[in-house]
C-alpha atoms as a PDB file:
ATOM      1  CA  UNK A   1      11.275 -11.628 139.387  1.00  0.00           C
ATOM      2  CA  UNK A   2       7.843 -11.390 140.988  1.00  0.00           C
ATOM      3  CA  UNK A   3       5.553 -14.365 140.906  1.00  0.00           C
ATOM      4  CA  UNK A   4       3.048 -14.506 138.075  1.00  0.00           C
ATOM      5  CA  UNK A   5       0.147 -16.377 139.654  1.00  0.00           C
ATOM      6  CA  UNK A   6      -3.090 -14.494 140.134  1.00  0.00           C
ATOM      7  CA  UNK A   7      -3.541 -15.764 143.683  1.00  0.00           C
ATOM      8  CA  UNK A   8      -0.115 -14.544 144.858  1.00  0.00           C
ATOM      9  CA  UNK A   9      -0.021 -11.421 146.995  1.00  0.00           C
ATOM     10  CA  UNK A  10       2.464  -8.774 145.808  1.00  0.00           C
ATOM     11  CA  UNK A  11       3.602  -8.109 149.359  1.00  0.00           C
ATOM     12  CA  UNK A  12       3.486  -9.918 152.677  1.00  0.00           C
ATOM     13  CA  UNK A  13       0.592  -9.077 155.015  1.00  0.00           C
ATOM     14  CA  UNK A  14       3.061  -7.581 157.475  1.00  0.00           C
ATOM     15  CA  UNK A  15       4.535  -5.267 154.828  1.00  0.00           C
ATOM     16  CA  UNK A  16       1.071  -4.131 153.744  1.00  0.00           C
ATOM     17  CA  UNK A  17       0.128  -3.558 157.393  1.00  0.00           C
ATOM     18  CA  UNK A  18       3.219  -1.420 157.996  1.00  0.00           C
ATOM     19  CA  UNK A  19       2.533   0.580 154.847  1.00  0.00           C
ATOM     20  CA  UNK A  20      -1.025   1.198 156.004  1.00  0.00           C
ATOM     21  CA  UNK A  21       0.298   2.414 159.355  1.00  0.00           C
ATOM     22  CA  UNK A  22       2.505   4.907 157.506  1.00  0.00           C
ATOM     23  CA  UNK A  23      -0.521   5.938 155.452  1.00  0.00           C
ATOM     24  CA  UNK A  24      -2.610   6.572 158.591  1.00  0.00           C
ATOM     25  CA  UNK A  25       0.194   8.640 160.130  1.00  0.00           C
ATOM     26  CA  UNK A  26       0.531  10.640 156.903  1.00  0.00           C
ATOM     27  CA  UNK A  27      -3.223  11.217 156.725  1.00  0.00           C
ATOM     28  CA  UNK A  28      -3.322  12.347 160.363  1.00  0.00           C
ATOM     29  CA  UNK A  29      -0.472  14.819 159.850  1.00  0.00           C
ATOM     30  CA  UNK A  30      -2.103  16.241 156.737  1.00  0.00           C
ATOM     31  CA  UNK A  31      -5.447  16.509 158.533  1.00  0.00           C
ATOM     32  CA  UNK A  32      -4.060  18.847 161.213  1.00  0.00           C
ATOM     33  CA  UNK A  33      -2.341  21.187 158.731  1.00  0.00           C
ATOM     34  CA  UNK A  34      -5.051  23.924 158.945  1.00  0.00           C
ATOM     35  CA  UNK A  35      -4.521  24.089 162.718  1.00  0.00           C
ATOM     36  CA  UNK A  36      -0.751  24.518 162.418  1.00  0.00           C
ATOM     37  CA  UNK A  37      -0.736  27.828 160.573  1.00  0.00           C
ATOM     38  CA  UNK A  38       0.965  26.380 157.491  1.00  0.00           C
ATOM     39  CA  UNK A  39      -0.046  28.153 154.278  1.00  0.00           C
ATOM     40  CA  UNK A  40      -2.911  25.936 153.010  1.00  0.00           C
ATOM     41  CA  UNK A  41      -2.481  26.902 149.344  1.00  0.00           C
ATOM     42  CA  UNK A  42       1.028  25.446 149.358  1.00  0.00           C
ATOM     43  CA  UNK A  43      -0.130  22.134 150.844  1.00  0.00           C
ATOM     44  CA  UNK A  44      -3.130  21.892 148.489  1.00  0.00           C
ATOM     45  CA  UNK A  45      -0.908  22.521 145.486  1.00  0.00           C
ATOM     46  CA  UNK A  46       1.582  19.945 146.742  1.00  0.00           C
ATOM     47  CA  UNK A  47      -1.218  17.396 147.239  1.00  0.00           C
ATOM     48  CA  UNK A  48      -2.384  17.856 143.646  1.00  0.00           C
ATOM     49  CA  UNK A  49       1.127  17.267 142.341  1.00  0.00           C
ATOM     50  CA  UNK A  50       1.643  14.396 144.775  1.00  0.00           C
ATOM     51  CA  UNK A  51      -1.380  12.627 143.270  1.00  0.00           C
ATOM     52  CA  UNK A  52       0.001  13.371 139.810  1.00  0.00           C
ATOM     53  CA  UNK A  53       3.428  11.972 140.726  1.00  0.00           C
ATOM     54  CA  UNK A  54       1.862   8.863 142.271  1.00  0.00           C
ATOM     55  CA  UNK A  55      -0.107   8.286 139.063  1.00  0.00           C
ATOM     56  CA  UNK A  56       3.073   8.656 137.027  1.00  0.00           C
ATOM     57  CA  UNK A  57       4.924   6.325 139.396  1.00  0.00           C
ATOM     58  CA  UNK A  58       2.261   3.670 138.829  1.00  0.00           C
ATOM     59  CA  UNK A  59       3.256   3.648 135.168  1.00  0.00           C
ATOM     60  CA  UNK A  60       7.047   3.895 135.378  1.00  0.00           C
ATOM     61  CA  UNK A  61       7.826   2.567 138.846  1.00  0.00           C
ATOM     62  CA  UNK A  62       5.662  -0.535 138.609  1.00  0.00           C
ATOM     63  CA  UNK A  63       5.126  -0.881 134.855  1.00  0.00           C
ATOM     64  CA  UNK A  64       8.544   0.177 133.597  1.00  0.00           C
ATOM     65  CA  UNK A  65       7.058   2.651 131.073  1.00  0.00           C
ATOM     66  CA  UNK A  66       8.701   6.089 130.994  1.00  0.00           C
ATOM     67  CA  UNK A  67       6.246   8.672 129.688  1.00  0.00           C
ATOM     68  CA  UNK A  68       7.417  12.163 128.774  1.00  0.00           C
ATOM     69  CA  UNK A  69       3.867  13.297 128.062  1.00  0.00           C
ATOM     70  CA  UNK A  70       1.924  13.067 131.303  1.00  0.00           C
ATOM     71  CA  UNK A  71       1.440  16.829 131.282  1.00  0.00           C
ATOM     72  CA  UNK A  72      -1.175  16.376 128.546  1.00  0.00           C
ATOM     73  CA  UNK A  73      -3.483  14.582 130.998  1.00  0.00           C
ATOM     74  CA  UNK A  74      -2.953  17.193 133.703  1.00  0.00           C
ATOM     75  CA  UNK A  75      -3.535  20.116 131.333  1.00  0.00           C
ATOM     76  CA  UNK A  76      -6.393  18.566 129.364  1.00  0.00           C
ATOM     77  CA  UNK A  77      -8.414  17.743 132.469  1.00  0.00           C
ATOM     78  CA  UNK A  78      -7.724  21.238 133.796  1.00  0.00           C
ATOM     79  CA  UNK A  79      -8.942  22.904 130.608  1.00  0.00           C
ATOM     80  CA  UNK A  80     -12.055  20.743 130.374  1.00  0.00           C
ATOM     81  CA  UNK A  81     -12.997  21.280 134.014  1.00  0.00           C
ATOM     82  CA  UNK A  82     -12.344  25.026 133.819  1.00  0.00           C
ATOM     83  CA  UNK A  83     -14.303  25.293 130.582  1.00  0.00           C
ATOM     84  CA  UNK A  84     -17.313  23.444 131.965  1.00  0.00           C
ATOM     85  CA  UNK A  85     -17.318  25.472 135.193  1.00  0.00           C
ATOM     86  CA  UNK A  86     -16.911  28.923 133.693  1.00  0.00           C
ATOM     87  CA  UNK A  87     -17.569  29.095 129.979  1.00  0.00           C
ATOM     88  CA  UNK A  88     -20.413  26.609 129.773  1.00  0.00           C
ATOM     89  CA  UNK A  89     -19.866  25.379 126.213  1.00  0.00           C
ATOM     90  CA  UNK A  90     -18.073  22.681 124.256  1.00  0.00           C
ATOM     91  CA  UNK A  91     -15.934  23.575 121.235  1.00  0.00           C
ATOM     92  CA  UNK A  92     -14.330  21.243 118.731  1.00  0.00           C
ATOM     93  CA  UNK A  93     -12.808  21.703 115.248  1.00  0.00           C
ATOM     94  CA  UNK A  94     -14.570  20.479 112.122  1.00  0.00           C
ATOM     95  CA  UNK A  95     -12.414  22.185 109.471  1.00  0.00           C
ATOM     96  CA  UNK A  96      -9.154  24.141 109.322  1.00  0.00           C
ATOM     97  CA  UNK A  97      -9.644  27.271 111.411  1.00  0.00           C
ATOM     98  CA  UNK A  98     -13.338  26.585 112.044  1.00  0.00           C
ATOM     99  CA  UNK A  99     -14.841  25.391 115.310  1.00  0.00           C
ATOM    100  CA  UNK A 100     -18.251  24.064 116.277  1.00  0.00           C
ATOM    101  CA  UNK A 101     -19.534  25.585 119.539  1.00  0.00           C
ATOM    102  CA  UNK A 102     -22.236  23.811 121.571  1.00  0.00           C
ATOM    103  CA  UNK A 103     -23.586  26.032 124.372  1.00  0.00           C
ATOM    104  CA  UNK A 104     -24.110  24.486 127.797  1.00  0.00           C
ATOM    105  CA  UNK A 105     -25.112  25.913 131.164  1.00  0.00           C
ATOM    106  CA  UNK A 106     -22.172  26.195 133.615  1.00  0.00           C
ATOM    107  CA  UNK A 107     -21.869  22.917 135.465  1.00  0.00           C
ATOM    108  CA  UNK A 108     -21.426  22.149 139.161  1.00  0.00           C
ATOM    109  CA  UNK A 109     -17.930  21.328 140.515  1.00  0.00           C
ATOM    110  CA  UNK A 110     -18.511  17.570 140.713  1.00  0.00           C
ATOM    111  CA  UNK A 111     -19.716  17.432 137.096  1.00  0.00           C
ATOM    112  CA  UNK A 112     -16.762  19.551 136.005  1.00  0.00           C
ATOM    113  CA  UNK A 113     -14.368  17.123 137.690  1.00  0.00           C
ATOM    114  CA  UNK A 114     -16.124  14.117 136.164  1.00  0.00           C
ATOM    115  CA  UNK A 115     -15.950  15.741 132.737  1.00  0.00           C
ATOM    116  CA  UNK A 116     -12.217  16.423 133.068  1.00  0.00           C
ATOM    117  CA  UNK A 117     -11.472  12.906 134.306  1.00  0.00           C
ATOM    118  CA  UNK A 118     -13.531  11.257 131.546  1.00  0.00           C
ATOM    119  CA  UNK A 119     -11.815  13.264 128.813  1.00  0.00           C
ATOM    120  CA  UNK A 120      -8.417  12.380 130.298  1.00  0.00           C
ATOM    121  CA  UNK A 121      -9.370   8.701 130.351  1.00  0.00           C
ATOM    122  CA  UNK A 122     -10.431   8.885 126.699  1.00  0.00           C
ATOM    123  CA  UNK A 123      -7.218  10.709 125.816  1.00  0.00           C
ATOM    124  CA  UNK A 124      -5.194   8.048 127.650  1.00  0.00           C
ATOM    125  CA  UNK A 125      -7.009   5.319 125.727  1.00  0.00           C
ATOM    126  CA  UNK A 126      -6.268   6.924 122.354  1.00  0.00           C
ATOM    127  CA  UNK A 127      -2.666   7.930 123.033  1.00  0.00           C
ATOM    128  CA  UNK A 128      -1.974   4.648 124.828  1.00  0.00           C
ATOM    129  CA  UNK A 129      -3.257   2.630 121.871  1.00  0.00           C
ATOM    130  CA  UNK A 130      -0.871   4.563 119.615  1.00  0.00           C
ATOM    131  CA  UNK A 131       2.219   4.480 121.845  1.00  0.00           C
ATOM    132  CA  UNK A 132       2.020   1.288 123.906  1.00  0.00           C
ATOM    133  CA  UNK A 133       3.192  -0.904 121.032  1.00  0.00           C
ATOM    134  CA  UNK A 134       6.633   0.667 121.227  1.00  0.00           C
ATOM    135  CA  UNK A 135       9.182   0.110 123.972  1.00  0.00           C
ATOM    136  CA  UNK A 136      11.961   2.022 125.679  1.00  0.00           C
ATOM    137  CA  UNK A 137      12.949   5.394 124.305  1.00  0.00           C
ATOM    138  CA  UNK A 138      10.563   5.019 121.356  1.00  0.00           C
ATOM    139  CA  UNK A 139       7.587   4.874 123.714  1.00  0.00           C
ATOM    140  CA  UNK A 140       8.890   7.925 125.592  1.00  0.00           C
ATOM    141  CA  UNK A 141       9.387   9.948 122.412  1.00  0.00           C
ATOM    142  CA  UNK A 142       5.911   9.112 121.099  1.00  0.00           C
ATOM    143  CA  UNK A 143       4.303  10.285 124.343  1.00  0.00           C
ATOM    144  CA  UNK A 144       6.381  13.476 124.209  1.00  0.00           C
ATOM    145  CA  UNK A 145       5.356  14.113 120.599  1.00  0.00           C
ATOM    146  CA  UNK A 146       1.670  13.567 121.375  1.00  0.00           C
ATOM    147  CA  UNK A 147       1.884  15.873 124.372  1.00  0.00           C
ATOM    148  CA  UNK A 148       3.496  18.656 122.345  1.00  0.00           C
ATOM    149  CA  UNK A 149       0.918  18.174 119.601  1.00  0.00           C
ATOM    150  CA  UNK A 150      -1.818  18.855 122.136  1.00  0.00           C
ATOM    151  CA  UNK A 151       0.150  21.827 123.472  1.00  0.00           C
ATOM    152  CA  UNK A 152       0.118  23.531 120.068  1.00  0.00           C
ATOM    153  CA  UNK A 153      -3.567  22.679 119.586  1.00  0.00           C
ATOM    154  CA  UNK A 154      -4.392  24.313 122.917  1.00  0.00           C
ATOM    155  CA  UNK A 155      -2.215  27.285 121.991  1.00  0.00           C
ATOM    156  CA  UNK A 156      -4.370  27.961 118.929  1.00  0.00           C
ATOM    157  CA  UNK A 157      -7.782  26.758 120.135  1.00  0.00           C
ATOM    158  CA  UNK A 158     -10.179  29.606 120.969  1.00  0.00           C
ATOM    159  CA  UNK A 159     -11.682  27.938 124.050  1.00  0.00           C
ATOM    160  CA  UNK A 160      -8.317  27.889 125.889  1.00  0.00           C
ATOM    161  CA  UNK A 161      -7.725  31.635 125.352  1.00  0.00           C
ATOM    162  CA  UNK A 162      -4.183  30.916 124.180  1.00  0.00           C
ATOM    163  CA  UNK A 163      -1.387  32.203 126.386  1.00  0.00           C
ATOM    164  CA  UNK A 164      -3.855  33.994 128.673  1.00  0.00           C
ATOM    165  CA  UNK A 165      -5.476  30.747 129.765  1.00  0.00           C
ATOM    166  CA  UNK A 166      -8.811  30.530 131.557  1.00  0.00           C
ATOM    167  CA  UNK A 167      -8.768  32.785 134.614  1.00  0.00           C
ATOM    168  CA  UNK A 168     -11.114  33.427 137.515  1.00  0.00           C
ATOM    169  CA  UNK A 169     -12.682  29.981 137.587  1.00  0.00           C
ATOM    170  CA  UNK A 170     -15.556  29.823 140.109  1.00  0.00           C
ATOM    171  CA  UNK A 171     -15.058  27.250 142.842  1.00  0.00           C
ATOM    172  CA  UNK A 172     -18.786  26.808 143.398  1.00  0.00           C
ATOM    173  CA  UNK A 173     -20.733  24.526 145.716  1.00  0.00           C
ATOM    174  CA  UNK A 174     -19.741  20.871 145.649  1.00  0.00           C
ATOM    175  CA  UNK A 175     -22.833  18.620 145.671  1.00  0.00           C
ATOM    176  CA  UNK A 176     -24.855  21.791 146.241  1.00  0.00           C
ATOM    177  CA  UNK A 177     -23.880  22.363 149.873  1.00  0.00           C
ATOM    178  CA  UNK A 178     -20.048  22.220 150.252  1.00  0.00           C
ATOM    179  CA  UNK A 179     -18.711  25.736 149.746  1.00  0.00           C
ATOM    180  CA  UNK A 180     -15.332  25.376 148.015  1.00  0.00           C
ATOM    181  CA  UNK A 181     -14.662  29.121 148.251  1.00  0.00           C
ATOM    182  CA  UNK A 182     -13.764  28.625 151.937  1.00  0.00           C
ATOM    183  CA  UNK A 183     -10.048  27.673 152.128  1.00  0.00           C
ATOM    184  CA  UNK A 184     -10.404  25.189 155.000  1.00  0.00           C
ATOM    185  CA  UNK A 185     -13.274  23.321 153.351  1.00  0.00           C
ATOM    186  CA  UNK A 186     -11.452  23.287 150.019  1.00  0.00           C
ATOM    187  CA  UNK A 187      -8.353  21.931 151.760  1.00  0.00           C
ATOM    188  CA  UNK A 188     -10.199  18.969 153.240  1.00  0.00           C
ATOM    189  CA  UNK A 189     -11.909  18.233 149.919  1.00  0.00           C
ATOM    190  CA  UNK A 190      -8.524  18.219 148.173  1.00  0.00           C
ATOM    191  CA  UNK A 191      -7.082  16.044 150.940  1.00  0.00           C
ATOM    192  CA  UNK A 192      -9.982  13.579 150.709  1.00  0.00           C
ATOM    193  CA  UNK A 193      -9.601  13.236 146.937  1.00  0.00           C
ATOM    194  CA  UNK A 194      -5.840  12.811 147.266  1.00  0.00           C
ATOM    195  CA  UNK A 195      -6.177  10.101 149.913  1.00  0.00           C
ATOM    196  CA  UNK A 196      -8.824   8.291 147.850  1.00  0.00           C
ATOM    197  CA  UNK A 197      -6.597   8.425 144.768  1.00  0.00           C
ATOM    198  CA  UNK A 198      -3.587   7.230 146.744  1.00  0.00           C
ATOM    199  CA  UNK A 199      -5.535   4.300 148.207  1.00  0.00           C
ATOM    200  CA  UNK A 200      -6.694   3.340 144.725  1.00  0.00           C
ATOM    201  CA  UNK A 201      -3.098   3.297 143.498  1.00  0.00           C
ATOM    202  CA  UNK A 202      -2.004   1.389 146.600  1.00  0.00           C
ATOM    203  CA  UNK A 203      -4.698  -1.231 146.040  1.00  0.00           C
ATOM    204  CA  UNK A 204      -3.742  -1.527 142.373  1.00  0.00           C
ATOM    205  CA  UNK A 205      -0.106  -2.124 143.248  1.00  0.00           C
ATOM    206  CA  UNK A 206      -0.982  -4.768 145.843  1.00  0.00           C
ATOM    207  CA  UNK A 207      -3.308  -6.735 143.572  1.00  0.00           C
ATOM    208  CA  UNK A 208      -2.877  -9.570 141.064  1.00  0.00           C
ATOM    209  CA  UNK A 209      -2.928  -6.943 138.298  1.00  0.00           C
ATOM    210  CA  UNK A 210      -0.135  -5.020 139.997  1.00  0.00           C
ATOM    211  CA  UNK A 211       1.877  -8.196 140.479  1.00  0.00           C
ATOM    212  CA  UNK A 212       1.659  -9.054 136.794  1.00  0.00           C
ATOM    213  CA  UNK A 213       2.540  -5.464 135.944  1.00  0.00           C
ATOM    214  CA  UNK A 214       5.695  -5.637 138.054  1.00  0.00           C
ATOM    215  CA  UNK A 215       6.573  -8.952 136.450  1.00  0.00           C
ATOM    216  CA  UNK A 216       6.266  -7.384 133.004  1.00  0.00           C
ATOM    217  CA  UNK A 217       8.583  -4.623 134.169  1.00  0.00           C
ATOM    218  CA  UNK A 218      11.184  -7.144 135.320  1.00  0.00           C
ATOM    219  CA  UNK A 219      11.020  -9.603 132.422  1.00  0.00           C
ATOM    220  CA  UNK A 220       8.446  -9.007 129.708  1.00  0.00           C
ATOM    221  CA  UNK A 221       9.513 -11.926 127.431  1.00  0.00           C
ATOM    222  CA  UNK A 222       9.006 -14.357 130.308  1.00  0.00           C
ATOM    223  CA  UNK A 223       5.589 -12.892 131.062  1.00  0.00           C
ATOM    224  CA  UNK A 224       4.648 -13.357 127.409  1.00  0.00           C
ATOM    225  CA  UNK A 225       5.901 -16.939 127.474  1.00  0.00           C
ATOM    226  CA  UNK A 226       3.587 -17.636 130.427  1.00  0.00           C
ATOM    227  CA  UNK A 227       0.590 -16.513 128.414  1.00  0.00           C
ATOM    228  CA  UNK A 228       0.059 -12.939 129.617  1.00  0.00           C
ATOM    229  CA  UNK A 229      -1.022 -10.387 127.022  1.00  0.00           C
ATOM    230  CA  UNK A 230       1.457  -7.768 128.137  1.00  0.00           C
ATOM    231  CA  UNK A 231       0.270  -5.024 125.782  1.00  0.00           C
ATOM    232  CA  UNK A 232      -3.176  -5.169 127.367  1.00  0.00           C
ATOM    233  CA  UNK A 233      -1.750  -4.923 130.881  1.00  0.00           C
ATOM    234  CA  UNK A 234       0.455  -2.006 129.905  1.00  0.00           C
ATOM    235  CA  UNK A 235      -2.426  -0.242 128.177  1.00  0.00           C
ATOM    236  CA  UNK A 236      -4.631  -0.630 131.259  1.00  0.00           C
ATOM    237  CA  UNK A 237      -1.829   0.741 133.447  1.00  0.00           C
ATOM    238  CA  UNK A 238      -1.375   3.664 131.043  1.00  0.00           C
ATOM    239  CA  UNK A 239      -5.108   4.449 131.085  1.00  0.00           C
ATOM    240  CA  UNK A 240      -5.263   4.226 134.883  1.00  0.00           C
ATOM    241  CA  UNK A 241      -2.226   6.489 135.227  1.00  0.00           C
ATOM    242  CA  UNK A 242      -3.574   9.035 132.744  1.00  0.00           C
ATOM    243  CA  UNK A 243      -7.007   9.066 134.375  1.00  0.00           C
ATOM    244  CA  UNK A 244      -5.581   9.701 137.844  1.00  0.00           C
ATOM    245  CA  UNK A 245      -3.296  12.383 136.390  1.00  0.00           C
ATOM    246  CA  UNK A 246      -6.433  13.967 134.959  1.00  0.00           C
ATOM    247  CA  UNK A 247      -8.062  13.853 138.388  1.00  0.00           C
ATOM    248  CA  UNK A 248      -5.069  15.783 139.735  1.00  0.00           C
ATOM    249  CA  UNK A 249      -5.467  18.328 136.926  1.00  0.00           C
ATOM    250  CA  UNK A 250      -9.179  18.843 137.624  1.00  0.00           C
ATOM    251  CA  UNK A 251      -8.466  19.210 141.327  1.00  0.00           C
ATOM    252  CA  UNK A 252      -5.720  21.753 140.667  1.00  0.00           C
ATOM    253  CA  UNK A 253      -8.225  24.020 138.887  1.00  0.00           C
ATOM    254  CA  UNK A 254     -10.077  24.642 142.154  1.00  0.00           C
ATOM    255  CA  UNK A 255      -6.842  25.431 143.990  1.00  0.00           C
ATOM    256  CA  UNK A 256      -5.230  27.762 141.440  1.00  0.00           C
ATOM    257  CA  UNK A 257      -8.537  28.986 139.894  1.00  0.00           C
ATOM    258  CA  UNK A 258      -6.961  28.996 136.453  1.00  0.00           C
ATOM    259  CA  UNK A 259      -5.986  26.673 133.618  1.00  0.00           C
ATOM    260  CA  UNK A 260      -2.988  27.618 131.504  1.00  0.00           C
ATOM    261  CA  UNK A 261      -0.558  26.316 128.907  1.00  0.00           C
ATOM    262  CA  UNK A 262       2.034  25.758 131.640  1.00  0.00           C
ATOM    263  CA  UNK A 263       0.262  22.579 132.681  1.00  0.00           C
ATOM    264  CA  UNK A 264       0.472  21.137 129.147  1.00  0.00           C
ATOM    265  CA  UNK A 265       4.055  22.102 128.319  1.00  0.00           C
ATOM    266  CA  UNK A 266       6.808  19.478 128.179  1.00  0.00           C
ATOM    267  CA  UNK A 267       8.585  21.142 131.106  1.00  0.00           C
ATOM    268  CA  UNK A 268       5.688  20.064 133.329  1.00  0.00           C
ATOM    269  CA  UNK A 269       6.281  16.462 132.272  1.00  0.00           C
ATOM    270  CA  UNK A 270       9.920  16.963 133.251  1.00  0.00           C
ATOM    271  CA  UNK A 271       8.890  18.196 136.690  1.00  0.00           C
ATOM    272  CA  UNK A 272       6.732  15.106 137.168  1.00  0.00           C
ATOM    273  CA  UNK A 273       9.724  12.895 136.382  1.00  0.00           C
ATOM    274  CA  UNK A 274      11.853  14.969 138.751  1.00  0.00           C
ATOM    275  CA  UNK A 275       9.374  14.602 141.626  1.00  0.00           C
ATOM    276  CA  UNK A 276       9.268  10.845 141.205  1.00  0.00           C
ATOM    277  CA  UNK A 277      13.027  10.386 140.969  1.00  0.00           C
ATOM    278  CA  UNK A 278      13.820  12.651 143.931  1.00  0.00           C
ATOM    279  CA  UNK A 279      11.281  10.917 146.167  1.00  0.00           C
ATOM    280  CA  UNK A 280      12.047   7.386 145.050  1.00  0.00           C
ATOM    281  CA  UNK A 281      11.134   5.597 141.841  1.00  0.00           C
ATOM    282  CA  UNK A 282       9.070   2.469 142.425  1.00  0.00           C
ATOM    283  CA  UNK A 283       8.347   3.328 146.064  1.00  0.00           C
ATOM    284  CA  UNK A 284       4.841   3.931 147.367  1.00  0.00           C
ATOM    285  CA  UNK A 285       5.412   7.133 149.329  1.00  0.00           C
ATOM    286  CA  UNK A 286       8.404   8.467 147.378  1.00  0.00           C
ATOM    287  CA  UNK A 287       6.427  10.514 144.824  1.00  0.00           C
ATOM    288  CA  UNK A 288       4.602  12.288 147.656  1.00  0.00           C
ATOM    289  CA  UNK A 289       7.863  13.315 149.310  1.00  0.00           C
ATOM    290  CA  UNK A 290       9.330  14.343 145.966  1.00  0.00           C
ATOM    291  CA  UNK A 291       6.282  16.460 145.096  1.00  0.00           C
ATOM    292  CA  UNK A 292       6.398  18.307 148.420  1.00  0.00           C
ATOM    293  CA  UNK A 293      10.137  18.969 148.015  1.00  0.00           C
ATOM    294  CA  UNK A 294       9.829  20.331 144.466  1.00  0.00           C
ATOM    295  CA  UNK A 295       6.758  22.473 145.225  1.00  0.00           C
ATOM    296  CA  UNK A 296       8.448  23.795 148.389  1.00  0.00           C
ATOM    297  CA  UNK A 297      11.491  24.821 146.368  1.00  0.00           C
ATOM    298  CA  UNK A 298       9.310  26.611 143.819  1.00  0.00           C
ATOM    299  CA  UNK A 299       7.391  28.323 146.619  1.00  0.00           C
ATOM    300  CA  UNK A 300      10.222  29.440 148.877  1.00  0.00           C
ATOM    301  CA  UNK A 301      12.932  30.006 146.261  1.00  0.00           C
ATOM    302  CA  UNK A 302      10.740  32.147 144.004  1.00  0.00           C
ATOM    303  CA  UNK A 303      12.744  35.207 144.999  1.00  0.00           C
ATOM    304  CA  UNK A 304      15.728  33.875 143.040  1.00  0.00           C
ATOM    305  CA  UNK A 305      13.826  34.254 139.762  1.00  0.00           C
ATOM    306  CA  UNK A 306      15.068  32.071 136.919  1.00  0.00           C
ATOM    307  CA  UNK A 307      17.837  30.751 139.169  1.00  0.00           C
ATOM    308  CA  UNK A 308      15.225  28.457 140.717  1.00  0.00           C
ATOM    309  CA  UNK A 309      15.695  26.077 137.791  1.00  0.00           C
ATOM    310  CA  UNK A 310      19.461  26.046 138.326  1.00  0.00           C
ATOM    311  CA  UNK A 311      19.037  25.404 142.048  1.00  0.00           C
ATOM    312  CA  UNK A 312      16.592  22.582 141.304  1.00  0.00           C
ATOM    313  CA  UNK A 313      19.116  21.083 138.898  1.00  0.00           C
ATOM    314  CA  UNK A 314      21.875  21.171 141.517  1.00  0.00           C
ATOM    315  CA  UNK A 315      19.596  19.567 144.118  1.00  0.00           C
ATOM    316  CA  UNK A 316      18.540  16.923 141.625  1.00  0.00           C
ATOM    317  CA  UNK A 317      22.154  16.067 140.792  1.00  0.00           C
ATOM    318  CA  UNK A 318      22.930  15.905 144.516  1.00  0.00           C
ATOM    319  CA  UNK A 319      19.979  13.572 145.123  1.00  0.00           C
ATOM    320  CA  UNK A 320      21.035  11.310 142.275  1.00  0.00           C
ATOM    321  CA  UNK A 321      24.593  11.102 143.611  1.00  0.00           C
ATOM    322  CA  UNK A 322      23.708  10.754 147.299  1.00  0.00           C
ATOM    323  CA  UNK A 323      20.341   8.983 147.063  1.00  0.00           C
ATOM    324  CA  UNK A 324      20.423   6.783 143.989  1.00  0.00           C
ATOM    325  CA  UNK A 325      17.166   5.132 145.005  1.00  0.00           C
ATOM    326  CA  UNK A 326      15.546   8.446 145.876  1.00  0.00           C
ATOM    327  CA  UNK A 327      15.041   9.792 149.386  1.00  0.00           C
ATOM    328  CA  UNK A 328      12.350   7.316 150.422  1.00  0.00           C
ATOM    329  CA  UNK A 329      14.084   4.512 148.545  1.00  0.00           C
ATOM    330  CA  UNK A 330      17.316   5.048 150.476  1.00  0.00           C
ATOM    331  CA  UNK A 331      15.482   5.251 153.796  1.00  0.00           C
ATOM    332  CA  UNK A 332      13.599   2.039 153.006  1.00  0.00           C
ATOM    333  CA  UNK A 333      16.844   0.339 152.027  1.00  0.00           C
ATOM    334  CA  UNK A 334      18.509   1.372 155.279  1.00  0.00           C
ATOM    335  CA  UNK A 335      15.677   0.085 157.447  1.00  0.00           C
ATOM    336  CA  UNK A 336      15.208  -3.009 155.297  1.00  0.00           C
ATOM    337  CA  UNK A 337      11.567  -2.277 154.490  1.00  0.00           C
ATOM    338  CA  UNK A 338       9.649  -1.243 151.407  1.00  0.00           C
ATOM    339  CA  UNK A 339       7.940   2.165 151.507  1.00  0.00           C
END
């Protein structure tokens, strides 16, 4: 079990240094992608889902909380950001079948992102307060139920346009001078946000808060006996994870230029779990690798139609049998180093 003192580092300075070296190499490789001729849309989409998977991994890999409802943060932030950028109004129900509509001028990209992230944080606070008191499968089922509840609300709500979603979202000018309609500029903006989000997660993991969180994962009764209010730690981890998942959802709007029910459906939550497990649960870089693998399969196996799901299932079973710790987890175990 990890130490529970606030002044104890979660990892040795050498391990943190090596992980930062890997981070710099990863950032350098991602920075030269536009010059390599690789399809930028694929990499941008993968980066959005990599941030989402890293946020989910913060909750399950280091907090031991399996959420089946993380799609609600991704989809909610996407809808809010898309709505603020294109529609320019806020709608909310006040009676069965009746909605209050408050008109607003279309907002700039940065304000749209902030709006999506703030709503996701508020949603994480509310749903976390409801679900965090339960443990194990009960926690997972509550998050799934809440996510599906939001799915059916968005299916009926007029501002989401139902199954059609919100299409043709303007990318706009970030901070008034960064033209997001240019693919290369948009790529570097997405990359910068991803790297900032990853560093935030990395710092959280390697902090006293992260150390206590890992200790709760390993032995919650002992953490309670030492005086830690574990529900508060788990709630903070849940809010942080949901907020960063919302950031990924807001970012994805600028890449795909649409917000749809697909991002809120329970199958999206399943894909998030799949990305994390394939890459390596509880590893730092595993979710990134898993996200790139899953998005690559969806991109390059699209010609197989519905068989893509079957192929993904076979690959997932193979990864579980051959790489029980995930791809990055097995590599780290072989070299005797945490990644």
